[in-house]
PDB file of N, CA and C in Angstrom:
ATOM      1  N   MET A   1     -43.984  39.857  58.720  1.00  0.00           N
ATOM      2  CA  MET A   1     -45.270  40.512  58.589  1.00  0.00           C
ATOM      3  C   MET A   1     -45.442  41.587  59.654  1.00  0.00           C
ATOM      4  N   LYS A   2     -45.003  41.274  60.887  1.00  0.00           N
ATOM      5  CA  LYS A   2     -45.138  42.238  61.972  1.00  0.00           C
ATOM      6  C   LYS A   2     -44.292  43.484  61.712  1.00  0.00           C
ATOM      7  N   LYS A   3     -43.126  43.285  61.116  1.00  0.00           N
ATOM      8  CA  LYS A   3     -42.254  44.424  60.824  1.00  0.00           C
ATOM      9  C   LYS A   3     -42.909  45.357  59.804  1.00  0.00           C
ATOM     10  N   ILE A   4     -43.559  44.792  58.815  1.00  0.00           N
ATOM     11  CA  ILE A   4     -44.212  45.597  57.784  1.00  0.00           C
ATOM     12  C   ILE A   4     -45.352  46.404  58.392  1.00  0.00           C
ATOM     13  N   VAL A   5     -46.132  45.759  59.262  1.00  0.00           N
ATOM     14  CA  VAL A   5     -47.244  46.459  59.917  1.00  0.00           C
ATOM     15  C   VAL A   5     -46.710  47.581  60.795  1.00  0.00           C
ATOM     16  N   MET A   6     -45.656  47.315  61.533  1.00  0.00           N
ATOM     17  CA  MET A   6     -45.075  48.341  62.409  1.00  0.00           C
ATOM     18  C   MET A   6     -44.513  49.505  61.593  1.00  0.00           C
ATOM     19  N   LEU A   7     -43.845  49.214  60.483  1.00  0.00           N
ATOM     20  CA  LEU A   7     -43.320  50.270  59.623  1.00  0.00           C
ATOM     21  C   LEU A   7     -44.450  51.091  59.006  1.00  0.00           C
ATOM     22  N   ALA A   8     -45.523  50.427  58.606  1.00  0.00           N
ATOM     23  CA  ALA A   8     -46.668  51.139  58.029  1.00  0.00           C
ATOM     24  C   ALA A   8     -47.306  52.048  59.072  1.00  0.00           C
ATOM     25  N   LEU A   9     -47.479  51.555  60.290  1.00  0.00           N
ATOM     26  CA  LEU A   9     -48.047  52.379  61.361  1.00  0.00           C
ATOM     27  C   LEU A   9     -47.139  53.560  61.697  1.00  0.00           C
ATOM     28  N   ALA A  10     -45.842  53.335  61.710  1.00  0.00           N
ATOM     29  CA  ALA A  10     -44.903  54.426  61.978  1.00  0.00           C
ATOM     30  C   ALA A  10     -44.970  55.475  60.873  1.00  0.00           C
ATOM     31  N   ALA A  11     -45.073  55.036  59.626  1.00  0.00           N
ATOM     32  CA  ALA A  11     -45.166  55.981  58.509  1.00  0.00           C
ATOM     33  C   ALA A  11     -46.450  56.797  58.591  1.00  0.00           C
ATOM     34  N   VAL A  12     -47.560  56.148  58.919  1.00  0.00           N
ATOM     35  CA  VAL A  12     -48.834  56.863  59.058  1.00  0.00           C
ATOM     36  C   VAL A  12     -48.747  57.874  60.190  1.00  0.00           C
ATOM     37  N   LEU A  13     -48.149  57.497  61.303  1.00  0.00           N
ATOM     38  CA  LEU A  13     -48.004  58.408  62.441  1.00  0.00           C
ATOM     39  C   LEU A  13     -47.147  59.617  62.071  1.00  0.00           C
ATOM     40  N   ILE A  14     -46.046  59.383  61.402  1.00  0.00           N
ATOM     41  CA  ILE A  14     -45.155  60.482  61.003  1.00  0.00           C
ATOM     42  C   ILE A  14     -45.858  61.422  60.031  1.00  0.00           C
ATOM     43  N   LEU A  15     -46.558  60.862  59.055  1.00  0.00           N
ATOM     44  CA  LEU A  15     -47.267  61.702  58.086  1.00  0.00           C
ATOM     45  C   LEU A  15     -48.402  62.481  58.734  1.00  0.00           C
ATOM     46  N   SER A  16     -49.104  61.871  59.688  1.00  0.00           N
ATOM     47  CA  SER A  16     -50.201  62.588  60.345  1.00  0.00           C
ATOM     48  C   SER A  16     -49.669  63.730  61.204  1.00  0.00           C
ATOM     49  N   LEU A  17     -48.518  63.565  61.821  1.00  0.00           N
ATOM     50  CA  LEU A  17     -47.923  64.662  62.593  1.00  0.00           C
ATOM     51  C   LEU A  17     -47.504  65.800  61.678  1.00  0.00           C
ATOM     52  N   GLY A  18     -47.029  65.462  60.487  1.00  0.00           N
ATOM     53  CA  GLY A  18     -46.668  66.498  59.520  1.00  0.00           C
ATOM     54  C   GLY A  18     -47.868  67.311  59.083  1.00  0.00           C
ATOM     55  N   VAL A  19     -49.003  66.654  58.904  1.00  0.00           N
ATOM     56  CA  VAL A  19     -50.230  67.356  58.514  1.00  0.00           C
ATOM     57  C   VAL A  19     -50.672  68.295  59.628  1.00  0.00           C
ATOM     58  N   ILE A  20     -50.594  67.840  60.858  1.00  0.00           N
ATOM     59  CA  ILE A  20     -50.979  68.683  61.996  1.00  0.00           C
ATOM     60  C   ILE A  20     -50.059  69.895  62.088  1.00  0.00           C
ATOM     61  N   ALA A  21     -48.771  69.688  61.913  1.00  0.00           N
ATOM     62  CA  ALA A  21     -47.828  70.807  61.978  1.00  0.00           C
ATOM     63  C   ALA A  21     -48.064  71.785  60.838  1.00  0.00           C
ATOM     64  N   PHE A  22     -48.379  71.282  59.655  1.00  0.00           N
ATOM     65  CA  PHE A  22     -48.635  72.151  58.506  1.00  0.00           C
ATOM     66  C   PHE A  22     -49.932  72.928  58.689  1.00  0.00           C
ATOM     67  N   ALA A  23     -50.928  72.307  59.304  1.00  0.00           N
ATOM     68  CA  ALA A  23     -52.229  72.955  59.484  1.00  0.00           C
ATOM     69  C   ALA A  23     -52.186  74.036  60.554  1.00  0.00           C
ATOM     70  N   ASP A  24     -51.209  73.997  61.430  1.00  0.00           N
ATOM     71  CA  ASP A  24     -51.092  75.018  62.466  1.00  0.00           C
ATOM     72  C   ASP A  24     -50.699  76.326  61.804  1.00  0.00           C
ATOM     73  N   SER A  25     -51.654  77.226  61.707  1.00  0.00           N
ATOM     74  CA  SER A  25     -51.394  78.473  60.983  1.00  0.00           C
ATOM     75  C   SER A  25     -51.163  79.618  61.949  1.00  0.00           C
ATOM     76  N   ASN A  26     -50.381  80.553  61.491  1.00  0.00           N
ATOM     77  CA  ASN A  26     -50.078  81.744  62.259  1.00  0.00           C
ATOM     78  C   ASN A  26     -50.764  82.911  61.563  1.00  0.00           C
ATOM     79  N   ASN A  27     -51.726  83.533  62.231  1.00  0.00           N
ATOM     80  CA  ASN A  27     -52.517  84.582  61.597  1.00  0.00           C
ATOM     81  C   ASN A  27     -51.951  85.977  61.815  1.00  0.00           C
ATOM     82  N   GLU A  28     -50.708  86.082  62.199  1.00  0.00           N
ATOM     83  CA  GLU A  28     -50.095  87.394  62.371  1.00  0.00           C
ATOM     84  C   GLU A  28     -49.772  87.988  61.006  1.00  0.00           C
ATOM     85  N   VAL A  29     -49.970  89.287  60.907  1.00  0.00           N
ATOM     86  CA  VAL A  29     -49.667  89.983  59.655  1.00  0.00           C
ATOM     87  C   VAL A  29     -48.168  90.280  59.631  1.00  0.00           C
ATOM     88  N   PRO A  30     -47.470  89.851  58.580  1.00  0.00           N
ATOM     89  CA  PRO A  30     -46.025  90.092  58.513  1.00  0.00           C
ATOM     90  C   PRO A  30     -45.693  91.578  58.368  1.00  0.00           C
ATOM     91  N   ASP A  31     -44.542  91.955  58.872  1.00  0.00           N
ATOM     92  CA  ASP A  31     -44.104  93.356  58.792  1.00  0.00           C
ATOM     93  C   ASP A  31     -43.950  93.815  57.351  1.00  0.00           C
ATOM     94  N   TRP A  32     -43.455  92.934  56.480  1.00  0.00           N
ATOM     95  CA  TRP A  32     -43.273  93.327  55.080  1.00  0.00           C
ATOM     96  C   TRP A  32     -44.602  93.692  54.441  1.00  0.00           C
ATOM     97  N   TYR A  33     -45.684  93.041  54.867  1.00  0.00           N
ATOM     98  CA  TYR A  33     -46.990  93.335  54.285  1.00  0.00           C
ATOM     99  C   TYR A  33     -47.480  94.711  54.730  1.00  0.00           C
ATOM    100  N   ASN A  34     -47.315  95.010  56.018  1.00  0.00           N
ATOM    101  CA  ASN A  34     -47.699  96.341  56.508  1.00  0.00           C
ATOM    102  C   ASN A  34     -46.885  97.432  55.822  1.00  0.00           C
ATOM    103  N   ASP A  35     -45.602  97.171  55.606  1.00  0.00           N
ATOM    104  CA  ASP A  35     -44.750  98.137  54.900  1.00  0.00           C
ATOM    105  C   ASP A  35     -45.221  98.334  53.460  1.00  0.00           C
ATOM    106  N   MET A  36     -45.629  97.243  52.803  1.00  0.00           N
ATOM    107  CA  MET A  36     -46.100  97.336  51.424  1.00  0.00           C
ATOM    108  C   MET A  36     -47.387  98.157  51.338  1.00  0.00           C
ATOM    109  N   ILE A  37     -48.308  97.933  52.274  1.00  0.00           N
ATOM    110  CA  ILE A  37     -49.569  98.683  52.279  1.00  0.00           C
ATOM    111  C   ILE A  37     -49.286 100.166  52.476  1.00  0.00           C
ATOM    112  N   LYS A  38     -48.414 100.486  53.419  1.00  0.00           N
ATOM    113  CA  LYS A  38     -48.068 101.887  53.676  1.00  0.00           C
ATOM    114  C   LYS A  38     -47.412 102.505  52.443  1.00  0.00           C
ATOM    115  N   TRP A  39     -46.509 101.772  51.798  1.00  0.00           N
ATOM    116  CA  TRP A  39     -45.822 102.273  50.603  1.00  0.00           C
ATOM    117  C   TRP A  39     -46.820 102.560  49.489  1.00  0.00           C
ATOM    118  N   ARG A  40     -47.764 101.643  49.281  1.00  0.00           N
ATOM    119  CA  ARG A  40     -48.755 101.847  48.218  1.00  0.00           C
ATOM    120  C   ARG A  40     -49.622 103.076  48.485  1.00  0.00           C
ATOM    121  N   LYS A  41     -50.053 103.234  49.727  1.00  0.00           N
ATOM    122  CA  LYS A  41     -50.883 104.401  50.056  1.00  0.00           C
ATOM    123  C   LYS A  41     -50.085 105.697  49.902  1.00  0.00           C
ATOM    124  N   ASP A  42     -48.811 105.661  50.278  1.00  0.00           N
ATOM    125  CA  ASP A  42     -47.955 106.842  50.098  1.00  0.00           C
ATOM    126  C   ASP A  42     -47.799 107.181  48.617  1.00  0.00           C
ATOM    127  N   LYS A  43     -47.640 106.161  47.774  1.00  0.00           N
ATOM    128  CA  LYS A  43     -47.499 106.403  46.335  1.00  0.00           C
ATOM    129  C   LYS A  43     -48.770 106.994  45.736  1.00  0.00           C
ATOM    130  N   VAL A  44     -49.928 106.553  46.206  1.00  0.00           N
ATOM    131  CA  VAL A  44     -51.189 107.122  45.723  1.00  0.00           C
ATOM    132  C   VAL A  44     -51.273 108.588  46.127  1.00  0.00           C
ATOM    133  N   GLU A  45     -50.901 108.886  47.365  1.00  0.00           N
ATOM    134  CA  GLU A  45     -50.929 110.273  47.846  1.00  0.00           C
ATOM    135  C   GLU A  45     -49.962 111.151  47.049  1.00  0.00           C
ATOM    136  N   GLU A  46     -48.763 110.634  46.783  1.00  0.00           N
ATOM    137  CA  GLU A  46     -47.790 111.386  45.981  1.00  0.00           C
ATOM    138  C   GLU A  46     -48.313 111.641  44.569  1.00  0.00           C
ATOM    139  N   SER A  47     -49.009 110.660  44.010  1.00  0.00           N
ATOM    140  CA  SER A  47     -49.548 110.809  42.657  1.00  0.00           C
ATOM    141  C   SER A  47     -50.619 111.887  42.599  1.00  0.00           C
ATOM    142  N   VAL A  48     -51.414 112.005  43.656  1.00  0.00           N
ATOM    143  CA  VAL A  48     -52.431 113.063  43.706  1.00  0.00           C
ATOM    144  C   VAL A  48     -51.755 114.422  43.797  1.00  0.00           C
ATOM    145  N   LYS A  49     -50.740 114.524  44.658  1.00  0.00           N
ATOM    146  CA  LYS A  49     -50.042 115.805  44.834  1.00  0.00           C
ATOM    147  C   LYS A  49     -49.348 116.254  43.552  1.00  0.00           C
ATOM    148  N   SER A  50     -48.830 115.301  42.791  1.00  0.00           N
ATOM    149  CA  SER A  50     -48.131 115.665  41.555  1.00  0.00           C
ATOM    150  C   SER A  50     -49.084 115.805  40.367  1.00  0.00           C
ATOM    151  N   GLY A  51     -50.357 115.509  40.570  1.00  0.00           N
ATOM    152  CA  GLY A  51     -51.343 115.689  39.517  1.00  0.00           C
ATOM    153  C   GLY A  51     -51.444 114.539  38.532  1.00  0.00           C
ATOM    154  N   LEU A  52     -50.850 113.409  38.846  1.00  0.00           N
ATOM    155  CA  LEU A  52     -50.909 112.259  37.942  1.00  0.00           C
ATOM    156  C   LEU A  52     -52.261 111.549  37.993  1.00  0.00           C
ATOM    157  N   VAL A  53     -52.922 111.596  39.148  1.00  0.00           N
ATOM    158  CA  VAL A  53     -54.246 110.989  39.291  1.00  0.00           C
ATOM    159  C   VAL A  53     -55.177 111.979  39.977  1.00  0.00           C
ATOM    160  N   THR A  54     -56.472 111.783  39.763  1.00  0.00           N
ATOM    161  CA  THR A  54     -57.466 112.654  40.389  1.00  0.00           C
ATOM    162  C   THR A  54     -57.798 112.130  41.788  1.00  0.00           C
ATOM    163  N   GLU A  55     -58.533 112.937  42.540  1.00  0.00           N
ATOM    164  CA  GLU A  55     -58.969 112.512  43.872  1.00  0.00           C
ATOM    165  C   GLU A  55     -59.869 111.278  43.772  1.00  0.00           C
ATOM    166  N   GLU A  56     -60.702 111.244  42.742  1.00  0.00           N
ATOM    167  CA  GLU A  56     -61.604 110.107  42.556  1.00  0.00           C
ATOM    168  C   GLU A  56     -60.816 108.826  42.285  1.00  0.00           C
ATOM    169  N   GLN A  57     -59.789 108.929  41.441  1.00  0.00           N
ATOM    170  CA  GLN A  57     -58.952 107.761  41.160  1.00  0.00           C
ATOM    171  C   GLN A  57     -58.190 107.328  42.413  1.00  0.00           C
ATOM    172  N   ALA A  58     -57.720 108.300  43.179  1.00  0.00           N
ATOM    173  CA  ALA A  58     -56.997 107.981  44.410  1.00  0.00           C
ATOM    174  C   ALA A  58     -57.913 107.275  45.405  1.00  0.00           C
ATOM    175  N   LYS A  59     -59.163 107.727  45.491  1.00  0.00           N
ATOM    176  CA  LYS A  59     -60.120 107.071  46.387  1.00  0.00           C
ATOM    177  C   LYS A  59     -60.334 105.624  45.951  1.00  0.00           C
ATOM    178  N   TYR A  60     -60.456 105.404  44.651  1.00  0.00           N
ATOM    179  CA  TYR A  60     -60.623 104.047  44.138  1.00  0.00           C
ATOM    180  C   TYR A  60     -59.434 103.173  44.545  1.00  0.00           C
ATOM    181  N   TRP A  61     -58.220 103.667  44.325  1.00  0.00           N
ATOM    182  CA  TRP A  61     -57.033 102.876  44.647  1.00  0.00           C
ATOM    183  C   TRP A  61     -56.910 102.629  46.138  1.00  0.00           C
ATOM    184  N   ASN A  62     -57.208 103.630  46.943  1.00  0.00           N
ATOM    185  CA  ASN A  62     -57.150 103.429  48.393  1.00  0.00           C
ATOM    186  C   ASN A  62     -58.202 102.425  48.852  1.00  0.00           C
ATOM    187  N   ASP A  63     -59.387 102.452  48.234  1.00  0.00           N
ATOM    188  CA  ASP A  63     -60.408 101.452  48.562  1.00  0.00           C
ATOM    189  C   ASP A  63     -59.928 100.051  48.207  1.00  0.00           C
ATOM    190  N   ARG A  64     -59.276  99.907  47.060  1.00  0.00           N
ATOM    191  CA  ARG A  64     -58.751  98.600  46.647  1.00  0.00           C
ATOM    192  C   ARG A  64     -57.658  98.119  47.603  1.00  0.00           C
ATOM    193  N   ILE A  65     -56.794  99.027  48.013  1.00  0.00           N
ATOM    194  CA  ILE A  65     -55.724  98.666  48.949  1.00  0.00           C
ATOM    195  C   ILE A  65     -56.325  98.247  50.286  1.00  0.00           C
ATOM    196  N   ASP A  66     -57.344  98.987  50.755  1.00  0.00           N
ATOM    197  CA  ASP A  66     -58.005  98.635  52.016  1.00  0.00           C
ATOM    198  C   ASP A  66     -58.692  97.275  51.917  1.00  0.00           C
ATOM    199  N   TYR A  67     -59.327  97.016  50.764  1.00  0.00           N
ATOM    200  CA  TYR A  67     -59.979  95.718  50.569  1.00  0.00           C
ATOM    201  C   TYR A  67     -58.950  94.590  50.600  1.00  0.00           C
ATOM    202  N   MET A  68     -57.817  94.788  49.924  1.00  0.00           N
ATOM    203  CA  MET A  68     -56.769  93.778  49.897  1.00  0.00           C
ATOM    204  C   MET A  68     -56.236  93.520  51.313  1.00  0.00           C
ATOM    205  N   GLU A  69     -56.057  94.587  52.069  1.00  0.00           N
ATOM    206  CA  GLU A  69     -55.564  94.449  53.441  1.00  0.00           C
ATOM    207  C   GLU A  69     -56.566  93.673  54.293  1.00  0.00           C
ATOM    208  N   LYS A  70     -57.840  94.020  54.174  1.00  0.00           N
ATOM    209  CA  LYS A  70     -58.890  93.331  54.933  1.00  0.00           C
ATOM    210  C   LYS A  70     -58.950  91.853  54.544  1.00  0.00           C
ATOM    211  N   TYR A  71     -58.873  91.571  53.249  1.00  0.00           N
ATOM    212  CA  TYR A  71     -58.931  90.193  52.772  1.00  0.00           C
ATOM    213  C   TYR A  71     -57.812  89.351  53.380  1.00  0.00           C
ATOM    214  N   HIS A  72     -56.597  89.864  53.343  1.00  0.00           N
ATOM    215  CA  HIS A  72     -55.472  89.087  53.864  1.00  0.00           C
ATOM    216  C   HIS A  72     -55.497  88.994  55.381  1.00  0.00           C
ATOM    217  N   ASN A  73     -56.034  89.984  56.048  1.00  0.00           N
ATOM    218  CA  ASN A  73     -56.168  89.884  57.502  1.00  0.00           C
ATOM    219  C   ASN A  73     -57.161  88.794  57.884  1.00  0.00           C
ATOM    220  N   GLU A  74     -58.202  88.609  57.079  1.00  0.00           N
ATOM    221  CA  GLU A  74     -59.209  87.590  57.373  1.00  0.00           C
ATOM    222  C   GLU A  74     -58.802  86.204  56.885  1.00  0.00           C
ATOM    223  N   ASN A  75     -58.127  86.116  55.750  1.00  0.00           N
ATOM    224  CA  ASN A  75     -57.858  84.829  55.111  1.00  0.00           C
ATOM    225  C   ASN A  75     -56.412  84.379  55.176  1.00  0.00           C
ATOM    226  N   GLY A  76     -55.543  85.201  55.679  1.00  0.00           N
ATOM    227  CA  GLY A  76     -54.152  84.810  55.786  1.00  0.00           C
ATOM    228  C   GLY A  76     -53.379  85.012  54.492  1.00  0.00           C
ATOM    229  N   PHE A  77     -52.193  84.438  54.471  1.00  0.00           N
ATOM    230  CA  PHE A  77     -51.273  84.635  53.359  1.00  0.00           C
ATOM    231  C   PHE A  77     -50.858  83.301  52.760  1.00  0.00           C
ATOM    232  N   GLY A  78     -51.801  82.391  52.594  1.00  0.00           N
ATOM    233  CA  GLY A  78     -51.494  81.070  52.070  1.00  0.00           C
ATOM    234  C   GLY A  78     -51.148  81.104  50.600  1.00  0.00           C
ATOM    235  N   PHE A  79     -51.016  79.918  50.046  1.00  0.00           N
ATOM    236  CA  PHE A  79     -50.688  79.789  48.633  1.00  0.00           C
ATOM    237  C   PHE A  79     -51.852  80.292  47.801  1.00  0.00           C
ATOM    238  N   GLN A  80     -51.556  81.104  46.827  1.00  0.00           N
ATOM    239  CA  GLN A  80     -52.598  81.709  46.009  1.00  0.00           C
ATOM    240  C   GLN A  80     -52.599  81.101  44.623  1.00  0.00           C
ATOM    241  N   GLY A  81     -53.639  80.382  44.311  1.00  0.00           N
ATOM    242  CA  GLY A  81     -53.896  79.907  42.958  1.00  0.00           C
ATOM    243  C   GLY A  81     -52.745  79.201  42.282  1.00  0.00           C
ATOM    244  N   GLY A  82     -52.292  79.762  41.232  1.00  0.00           N
ATOM    245  CA  GLY A  82     -51.323  79.127  40.372  1.00  0.00           C
ATOM    246  C   GLY A  82     -51.940  78.991  38.999  1.00  0.00           C
ATOM    247  N   CYS A  83     -51.193  78.516  38.076  1.00  0.00           N
ATOM    248  CA  CYS A  83     -51.700  78.427  36.709  1.00  0.00           C
ATOM    249  C   CYS A  83     -52.369  77.098  36.426  1.00  0.00           C
ATOM    250  N   GLY A  84     -52.225  76.130  37.285  1.00  0.00           N
ATOM    251  CA  GLY A  84     -52.835  74.838  37.030  1.00  0.00           C
ATOM    252  C   GLY A  84     -52.281  74.153  35.797  1.00  0.00           C
ATOM    253  N   GLY A  85     -51.053  74.465  35.444  1.00  0.00           N
ATOM    254  CA  GLY A  85     -50.438  73.847  34.283  1.00  0.00           C
ATOM    255  C   GLY A  85     -50.613  74.635  32.999  1.00  0.00           C
ATOM    256  N   PHE A  86     -51.277  75.768  33.051  1.00  0.00           N
ATOM    257  CA  PHE A  86     -51.496  76.562  31.848  1.00  0.00           C
ATOM    258  C   PHE A  86     -50.503  77.714  31.827  1.00  0.00           C
ATOM    259  N   GLY A  87     -49.384  77.500  31.272  1.00  0.00           N
ATOM    260  CA  GLY A  87     -48.367  78.531  31.187  1.00  0.00           C
ATOM    261  C   GLY A  87     -47.628  78.363  29.882  1.00  0.00           C
ATOM    262  N   ARG A  88     -46.380  78.721  29.882  1.00  0.00           N
ATOM    263  CA  ARG A  88     -45.580  78.533  28.672  1.00  0.00           C
ATOM    264  C   ARG A  88     -45.550  77.062  28.317  1.00  0.00           C
ATOM    265  N   GLY A  89     -45.780  76.790  27.082  1.00  0.00           N
ATOM    266  CA  GLY A  89     -45.780  75.412  26.631  1.00  0.00           C
ATOM    267  C   GLY A  89     -47.165  74.796  26.596  1.00  0.00           C
ATOM    268  N   ALA A  90     -48.144  75.452  27.200  1.00  0.00           N
ATOM    269  CA  ALA A  90     -49.499  74.932  27.128  1.00  0.00           C
ATOM    270  C   ALA A  90     -49.967  75.017  25.688  1.00  0.00           C
ATOM    271  N   ARG A  91     -50.590  74.008  25.214  1.00  0.00           N
ATOM    272  CA  ARG A  91     -51.058  73.925  23.826  1.00  0.00           C
ATOM    273  C   ARG A  91     -49.913  74.164  22.847  1.00  0.00           C
ATOM    274  N   ARG A  92     -48.735  73.823  23.247  1.00  0.00           N
ATOM    275  CA  ARG A  92     -47.534  73.954  22.408  1.00  0.00           C
ATOM    276  C   ARG A  92     -47.320  75.371  21.912  1.00  0.00           C
ATOM    277  N   GLY A  93     -47.654  76.353  22.749  1.00  0.00           N
ATOM    278  CA  GLY A  93     -47.402  77.746  22.405  1.00  0.00           C
ATOM    279  C   GLY A  93     -48.430  78.372  21.503  1.00  0.00           C
ATOM    280  N   LEU A  94     -49.561  77.719  21.283  1.00  0.00           N
ATOM    281  CA  LEU A  94     -50.575  78.261  20.385  1.00  0.00           C
ATOM    282  C   LEU A  94     -51.486  79.217  21.145  1.00  0.00           C
ATOM    283  N   GLY A  95     -51.406  80.478  20.836  1.00  0.00           N
ATOM    284  CA  GLY A  95     -52.311  81.452  21.427  1.00  0.00           C
ATOM    285  C   GLY A  95     -52.080  81.718  22.893  1.00  0.00           C
ATOM    286  N   GLY A  96     -50.873  81.524  23.369  1.00  0.00           N
ATOM    287  CA  GLY A  96     -50.637  81.665  24.795  1.00  0.00           C
ATOM    288  C   GLY A  96     -50.448  83.077  25.276  1.00  0.00           C
ATOM    289  N   PHE A  97     -49.709  83.918  24.540  1.00  0.00           N
ATOM    290  CA  PHE A  97     -49.339  85.221  25.065  1.00  0.00           C
ATOM    291  C   PHE A  97     -49.632  86.373  24.117  1.00  0.00           C
ATOM    292  N   GLY A  98     -50.251  86.145  23.015  1.00  0.00           N
ATOM    293  CA  GLY A  98     -50.544  87.234  22.093  1.00  0.00           C
ATOM    294  C   GLY A  98     -49.571  87.256  20.933  1.00  0.00           C
ATOM    295  N   PRO A  99     -49.808  88.150  19.975  1.00  0.00           N
ATOM    296  CA  PRO A  99     -48.986  88.171  18.771  1.00  0.00           C
ATOM    297  C   PRO A  99     -47.535  88.551  19.059  1.00  0.00           C
ATOM    298  N   GLY A 100     -46.636  87.813  18.483  1.00  0.00           N
ATOM    299  CA  GLY A 100     -45.215  88.116  18.598  1.00  0.00           C
ATOM    300  C   GLY A 100     -44.575  87.709  19.905  1.00  0.00           C
ATOM    301  N   MET A 101     -45.307  87.047  20.767  1.00  0.00           N
ATOM    302  CA  MET A 101     -44.761  86.677  22.070  1.00  0.00           C
ATOM    303  C   MET A 101     -44.594  85.168  22.163  1.00  0.00           C
ATOM    304  N   HIS A 102     -43.742  84.618  21.340  1.00  0.00           N
ATOM    305  CA  HIS A 102     -43.488  83.184  21.339  1.00  0.00           C
ATOM    306  C   HIS A 102     -42.127  82.937  21.970  1.00  0.00           C
ATOM    307  N   TRP A 103     -42.081  82.002  22.896  1.00  0.00           N
ATOM    308  CA  TRP A 103     -40.832  81.705  23.589  1.00  0.00           C
ATOM    309  C   TRP A 103     -40.237  80.454  23.052  1.00  0.00           C
TER     310      TRP A 103
END
């Protein structure tokens, strides 16, 4: 009986340390993210110069990019959503992806 209690306590201790280690978050912005933001803004600027988008559209896209950057700076880069089980095979393929898109 004592061995079982000791093993249970050891398991609880190990699992609680894992939770603490997982909860320790690093709020630094990764270099790849800064590069992506710069790339997107450069592409918007190139699109304006080549006449593919208007200044108004470029302002909209730059505002969206700035909002996305601000959001991730405040909230981090954790796991985002997911489908919750609603993907291919949900409802046996009935109405999942539109006409002609059956896998």
